[in-house]
Amino acid sequence: MELGRDSDTGGQVKYVVELARALGTMPGVYRVDLLTRQVSAPDVDWSYAEPTEMLTPRTTESSMQELGESSGAYIIRIPFGPKEKYIPKELLWPHIPEFVDCALSHIRQMSKVLGEQIGGGQPVWPVAIHGHYADAGDSAALLSGALNVPMLFTGHSLGRDKLEQILKQGRQSRDEINTTYKIMRRIEAEELSLDSSEIVITSTRQEIEEQWRLYDGFDPVLERKLRARIKRGVNCHGRFMPRMVVIPPGMEFHHIVPHEGDMDGDTERNEEDPTPDPPIWSEVMRFFTNPRKPMILALARPDPKKNITTLVKAFGECRPLRELANLFYPNDLTSLAVADINNGKP
């Protein structure tokens, strides 16, 4: 993964890959396919051209026999659009139907393969289709309808909210925003995803109450009433809204090895075999007056919507917090920039 190479390869990419990998290791889940676009272009990593990539590699031959030949989690790269060109997400919309056709072909083929392996000769179809972001939601809605398979959707960010935020800045007109971001097509896809989903997964209650409520297909008050009627077995007269579920983002800690030390950040070092500091350490620590204080690490791209300025302002105005910890914000993933936060200077 080339995380941070552009606005399309941020935290969402890592989120989706780690989700697929985690699902692939869960009991009761035989296989997870993460469908994306295949690209063979000189300006992107060679792995983008690989048609299949395994996310949960087996360690032994016996594990393959125990779990099954085709079990696990995989990235499946579907060729659609111009294969030798990387296309930003805003320009992918005309190619979505081609992706759906090719994805449908893959699913049908894989259902036959799994049927031979674990289905007694009968096709094994997906139990759910999960769309991430508007374009994948649009695709998932079409696939869900074609296969009669339940759909889930995670928006990650929403077009109507983005449109409102940009309009508030007063720098672009509605037409200019639509030209740059294809925002109306994105909103159309989100409305379709909303209408087609059984469950919509969000990160916060704010996303439900303030962002999804901007959409024609959702009203939080009406959704609660419909949910209550369904629980009581009362007729909803054909009205339906997807169930909204909050799953806060997490982080994988299994690969992180903490240093031995107390809560004040003092580390006990073995003089004979000291643990070397990572290479970035010297680049970061030279900016801090007391570099051994605990660090608050802020990770986000430099986008006004991420509200980093408010974080810096709040930290700078809170003396007890400044005395307790350092704040570190690398403003992109390819070059390092830090600030002398302790003194309140940029």
Foldseek 3Di string as FASTA:
>chain_A
DPAFPDPVRHPVVVVVLVVLQVQLPDPPAFEAEAEEAAAAEPVDDNVSNDQKDFSHDDDDPVVCVVRHVHGGYMYGHFYWDDRHDDDPPLPCVVTLVVSLVRVLVVQVVVQQVVCVTPVVRGGDGDQEAEAEALSSLLSRLVNCVVVVHAYEYEHVDALVVVLVVVVVVVPDDSVRCCVVRVSVVSNVSVLSSFVRHQEYEYADVCCVQPPVCVHPLDDVVVQVVVVVCVVVVHDPPPRDTHHYHHDHDDDDCPVPDDADDDPQQDGDADPVDGDDDPPCLVVPQVLEPDSSAAEDEDEDAPDVVVVVVVVLVVCLVDVVNLVRYYYFYQNGDPDGDGHSSSVPGD
